Each structure stands twice: as structure tokens, then as C-alpha cells.
Amino acid sequence: MIAWAWCRHPAGAALTIYLPLIGKLKHASRNERGMNSIEIAILTKLNELADRYGVKPYEFVAYVRSSYEHEMTLTVENPFPLCLDQADRFMTMLEGIGVEINETEKIGLLKGSAEKICTALDHALHLAPKSRRHR
């Protein structure tokens, strides 16, 4: 079965998007369903927070995992060598979110409901420095 959506591009062009439907989406694996809107919202907030601390999106890797028990895990990794200043900003950002940091594996975890994770990110955004981008 195929679902479709019609939308208008900001430049005025009409776009038709075809989406394959695979059974019950809430029970589909990540590869079958991609990311859901909650996961995208969490990662968008994290990228905004990173921007405020001067951490580039390519300086870390983040992903969200969902369990069937409605618990989510936001995982933030820093697999790349960073200079001392970058590493300090990255760690300050993670501490602001309340992420549990595993120093040996360079992984930060935040577990809880989607609401808890979004609330933690919103709180961290409220306390973070203003955006570093010139608008």
C-alpha cells in the first residue's frame, strides 16, 4: 500500500511525496519506518543547543532509540578528537542537559519518556547562551 501527500514548496512548486506503508508503523523496525516526529524534534532541539555552545553538528553523533515500553534514550557520542576548547564546550552542553556521561566510552545517555527528554532539552536551551549565528 502506498500513501501520498501533496504539499507546496516555498518557491511555489507543487511536490507529491509517496510513502510506502508497511503494516503497523508503531511496531515497525527503525529501518522500515525511519525516524518519527518525536525523534526528529529531540535531535532538532539538540542541534539548536549545540549551536548555542559553538559545537558543530559534525563534531558529535546523536541518535534516539525508542523501546516498546515508551522509554526513549538519547545517546550523544564524541568519536572525533576535539581540541580542549571544543571538548569543554561539548561537555558543558551535555551537563546542561543532564546527560549521564561515560568518560571511558565518550558516550552520554539521557533516558526517559519523550516528554522528559524534550523538557530537559528545553530547560537547557533556556539556560544556554544566545545563538552564536548572525541573523
C-alpha atoms as a PDB file:
ATOM      1  CA  MET A   1       0.000   0.000   0.000  1.00  0.00           C
ATOM      2  CA  ILE A   2       1.250   3.498  -0.842  1.00  0.00           C
ATOM      3  CA  ALA A   3       0.224   6.715   0.850  1.00  0.00           C
ATOM      4  CA  TRP A   4       0.847  10.087  -0.695  1.00  0.00           C
ATOM      5  CA  ALA A   5       0.935  13.662   0.447  1.00  0.00           C
ATOM      6  CA  TRP A   6       0.754  16.839  -1.579  1.00  0.00           C
ATOM      7  CA  CYS A   7       2.450  19.998  -0.438  1.00  0.00           C
ATOM      8  CA  ARG A   8       3.632  23.290  -1.877  1.00  0.00           C
ATOM      9  CA  HIS A   9       7.321  24.151  -1.917  1.00  0.00           C
ATOM     10  CA  PRO A  10       8.161  27.670  -0.619  1.00  0.00           C
ATOM     11  CA  ALA A  11       9.245  28.602  -4.173  1.00  0.00           C
ATOM     12  CA  GLY A  12       5.736  27.742  -5.411  1.00  0.00           C
ATOM     13  CA  ALA A  13       6.349  24.334  -6.972  1.00  0.00           C
ATOM     14  CA  ALA A  14       3.937  21.546  -6.085  1.00  0.00           C
ATOM     15  CA  LEU A  15       5.501  18.418  -4.622  1.00  0.00           C
ATOM     16  CA  THR A  16       3.979  14.976  -4.321  1.00  0.00           C
ATOM     17  CA  ILE A  17       5.550  12.677  -1.770  1.00  0.00           C
ATOM     18  CA  TYR A  18       4.923   8.928  -1.937  1.00  0.00           C
ATOM     19  CA  LEU A  19       5.327   6.976   1.284  1.00  0.00           C
ATOM     20  CA  PRO A  20       5.240   3.185   1.370  1.00  0.00           C
ATOM     21  CA  LEU A  21       3.108   1.951   4.253  1.00  0.00           C
ATOM     22  CA  ILE A  22       4.487  -1.138   5.971  1.00  0.00           C
ATOM     23  CA  GLY A  23       1.978  -2.793   8.248  1.00  0.00           C
ATOM     24  CA  LYS A  24       1.602  -1.237  11.685  1.00  0.00           C
ATOM     25  CA  LEU A  25       4.103   1.597  11.766  1.00  0.00           C
ATOM     26  CA  LYS A  26       4.413   1.725  15.540  1.00  0.00           C
ATOM     27  CA  HIS A  27       5.703  -1.846  15.556  1.00  0.00           C
ATOM     28  CA  ALA A  28       7.940  -1.485  12.505  1.00  0.00           C
ATOM     29  CA  SER A  29      11.694  -1.595  12.939  1.00  0.00           C
ATOM     30  CA  ARG A  30      13.790   1.555  12.543  1.00  0.00           C
ATOM     31  CA  ASN A  31      14.832   0.549   9.015  1.00  0.00           C
ATOM     32  CA  GLU A  32      11.233   0.117   7.930  1.00  0.00           C
ATOM     33  CA  ARG A  33       9.797   3.287   9.387  1.00  0.00           C
ATOM     34  CA  GLY A  34      12.704   5.722   9.581  1.00  0.00           C
ATOM     35  CA  MET A  35      12.567   8.378  12.283  1.00  0.00           C
ATOM     36  CA  ASN A  36       9.345   9.596  13.807  1.00  0.00           C
ATOM     37  CA  SER A  37       8.434  13.216  14.539  1.00  0.00           C
ATOM     38  CA  ILE A  38       9.340  12.922  18.222  1.00  0.00           C
ATOM     39  CA  GLU A  39      12.856  11.704  17.428  1.00  0.00           C
ATOM     40  CA  ILE A  40      13.278  14.485  14.871  1.00  0.00           C
ATOM     41  CA  ALA A  41      12.093  17.090  17.412  1.00  0.00           C
ATOM     42  CA  ILE A  42      14.581  15.823  20.007  1.00  0.00           C
ATOM     43  CA  LEU A  43      17.501  15.912  17.574  1.00  0.00           C
ATOM     44  CA  THR A  44      16.461  19.358  16.297  1.00  0.00           C
ATOM     45  CA  LYS A  45      16.497  20.731  19.854  1.00  0.00           C
ATOM     46  CA  LEU A  46      19.888  19.112  20.444  1.00  0.00           C
ATOM     47  CA  ASN A  47      21.327  20.716  17.301  1.00  0.00           C
ATOM     48  CA  GLU A  48      19.994  24.129  18.387  1.00  0.00           C
ATOM     49  CA  LEU A  49      21.625  23.644  21.784  1.00  0.00           C
ATOM     50  CA  ALA A  50      24.907  22.591  20.173  1.00  0.00           C
ATOM     51  CA  ASP A  51      24.823  25.727  18.019  1.00  0.00           C
ATOM     52  CA  ARG A  52      24.443  27.888  21.105  1.00  0.00           C
ATOM     53  CA  TYR A  53      27.580  26.350  22.616  1.00  0.00           C
ATOM     54  CA  GLY A  54      29.513  26.630  19.358  1.00  0.00           C
ATOM     55  CA  VAL A  55      29.546  22.876  18.805  1.00  0.00           C
ATOM     56  CA  LYS A  56      29.173  21.983  15.127  1.00  0.00           C
ATOM     57  CA  PRO A  57      26.748  19.195  14.123  1.00  0.00           C
ATOM     58  CA  TYR A  58      29.628  17.239  12.565  1.00  0.00           C
ATOM     59  CA  GLU A  59      31.616  17.283  15.837  1.00  0.00           C
ATOM     60  CA  PHE A  60      29.321  14.747  17.528  1.00  0.00           C
ATOM     61  CA  VAL A  61      26.934  11.924  16.726  1.00  0.00           C
ATOM     62  CA  ALA A  62      23.491  11.721  18.340  1.00  0.00           C
ATOM     63  CA  TYR A  63      20.628   9.301  17.959  1.00  0.00           C
ATOM     64  CA  VAL A  64      17.391   8.402  19.688  1.00  0.00           C
ATOM     65  CA  ARG A  65      16.252   4.869  20.449  1.00  0.00           C
ATOM     66  CA  SER A  66      12.699   4.003  21.426  1.00  0.00           C
ATOM     67  CA  SER A  67      11.594   0.955  23.330  1.00  0.00           C
ATOM     68  CA  TYR A  68       8.179  -0.646  23.310  1.00  0.00           C
ATOM     69  CA  GLU A  69       7.756   0.445  26.941  1.00  0.00           C
ATOM     70  CA  HIS A  70       7.623   4.094  25.770  1.00  0.00           C
ATOM     71  CA  GLU A  71      11.064   4.849  27.155  1.00  0.00           C
ATOM     72  CA  MET A  72      13.499   6.653  24.926  1.00  0.00           C
ATOM     73  CA  THR A  73      17.255   7.008  25.094  1.00  0.00           C
ATOM     74  CA  LEU A  74      19.094   9.992  23.668  1.00  0.00           C
ATOM     75  CA  THR A  75      22.679   8.967  23.014  1.00  0.00           C
ATOM     76  CA  VAL A  76      25.340  11.564  22.278  1.00  0.00           C
ATOM     77  CA  GLU A  77      28.808  10.440  21.248  1.00  0.00           C
ATOM     78  CA  ASN A  78      32.006  12.276  20.539  1.00  0.00           C
ATOM     79  CA  PRO A  79      34.046   9.843  18.445  1.00  0.00           C
ATOM     80  CA  PHE A  80      36.203  12.570  16.952  1.00  0.00           C
ATOM     81  CA  PRO A  81      39.303  14.118  18.508  1.00  0.00           C
ATOM     82  CA  LEU A  82      38.487  17.655  19.631  1.00  0.00           C
ATOM     83  CA  CYS A  83      40.751  20.408  20.834  1.00  0.00           C
ATOM     84  CA  LEU A  84      40.478  21.277  24.521  1.00  0.00           C
ATOM     85  CA  ASP A  85      38.163  24.258  23.919  1.00  0.00           C
ATOM     86  CA  GLN A  86      35.777  22.191  21.758  1.00  0.00           C
ATOM     87  CA  ALA A  87      35.747  19.357  24.276  1.00  0.00           C
ATOM     88  CA  ASP A  88      34.952  21.785  27.117  1.00  0.00           C
ATOM     89  CA  ARG A  89      32.020  23.305  25.197  1.00  0.00           C
ATOM     90  CA  PHE A  90      30.749  19.831  24.305  1.00  0.00           C
ATOM     91  CA  MET A  91      30.899  18.641  27.921  1.00  0.00           C
ATOM     92  CA  THR A  92      29.260  21.857  29.197  1.00  0.00           C
ATOM     93  CA  MET A  93      26.421  21.300  26.724  1.00  0.00           C
ATOM     94  CA  LEU A  94      25.917  17.705  27.906  1.00  0.00           C
ATOM     95  CA  GLU A  95      25.997  18.703  31.578  1.00  0.00           C
ATOM     96  CA  GLY A  96      23.348  21.347  30.863  1.00  0.00           C
ATOM     97  CA  ILE A  97      21.017  18.667  29.520  1.00  0.00           C
ATOM     98  CA  GLY A  98      21.621  16.373  32.496  1.00  0.00           C
ATOM     99  CA  VAL A  99      23.149  13.598  30.427  1.00  0.00           C
ATOM    100  CA  GLU A 100      24.856  10.708  32.222  1.00  0.00           C
ATOM    101  CA  ILE A 101      28.407  10.739  30.872  1.00  0.00           C
ATOM    102  CA  ASN A 102      30.508   7.611  30.472  1.00  0.00           C
ATOM    103  CA  GLU A 103      34.028   9.056  30.320  1.00  0.00           C
ATOM    104  CA  THR A 104      35.736   5.876  29.141  1.00  0.00           C
ATOM    105  CA  GLU A 105      33.453   5.333  26.145  1.00  0.00           C
ATOM    106  CA  LYS A 106      32.884   9.071  25.468  1.00  0.00           C
ATOM    107  CA  ILE A 107      29.127   8.495  25.391  1.00  0.00           C
ATOM    108  CA  GLY A 108      26.374  10.477  27.055  1.00  0.00           C
ATOM    109  CA  LEU A 109      22.940   8.970  27.740  1.00  0.00           C
ATOM    110  CA  LEU A 110      19.639  10.541  28.705  1.00  0.00           C
ATOM    111  CA  LYS A 111      16.820   8.084  29.364  1.00  0.00           C
ATOM    112  CA  GLY A 112      13.143   8.661  29.972  1.00  0.00           C
ATOM    113  CA  SER A 113       9.895   9.474  28.264  1.00  0.00           C
ATOM    114  CA  ALA A 114       9.829  11.725  25.211  1.00  0.00           C
ATOM    115  CA  GLU A 115       8.338  14.429  27.425  1.00  0.00           C
ATOM    116  CA  LYS A 116      11.189  14.149  29.955  1.00  0.00           C
ATOM    117  CA  ILE A 117      13.858  14.355  27.256  1.00  0.00           C
ATOM    118  CA  CYS A 118      12.175  17.309  25.500  1.00  0.00           C
ATOM    119  CA  THR A 119      11.728  19.105  28.831  1.00  0.00           C
ATOM    120  CA  ALA A 120      15.421  18.612  29.659  1.00  0.00           C
ATOM    121  CA  LEU A 121      16.420  19.994  26.262  1.00  0.00           C
ATOM    122  CA  ASP A 122      14.020  22.950  26.577  1.00  0.00           C
ATOM    123  CA  HIS A 123      15.423  23.752  30.021  1.00  0.00           C
ATOM    124  CA  ALA A 124      18.984  23.533  28.707  1.00  0.00           C
ATOM    125  CA  LEU A 125      18.055  25.826  25.790  1.00  0.00           C
ATOM    126  CA  HIS A 126      16.590  28.330  28.237  1.00  0.00           C
ATOM    127  CA  LEU A 127      19.837  28.418  30.229  1.00  0.00           C
ATOM    128  CA  ALA A 128      22.207  28.251  27.243  1.00  0.00           C
ATOM    129  CA  PRO A 129      23.982  31.270  25.765  1.00  0.00           C
ATOM    130  CA  LYS A 130      22.102  33.025  22.968  1.00  0.00           C
ATOM    131  CA  SER A 131      22.585  31.754  19.419  1.00  0.00           C
ATOM    132  CA  ARG A 132      26.062  32.241  18.017  1.00  0.00           C
ATOM    133  CA  ARG A 133      24.787  32.683  14.448  1.00  0.00           C
ATOM    134  CA  HIS A 134      24.462  36.141  12.971  1.00  0.00           C
ATOM    135  CA  ARG A 135      20.947  36.548  11.680  1.00  0.00           C
END
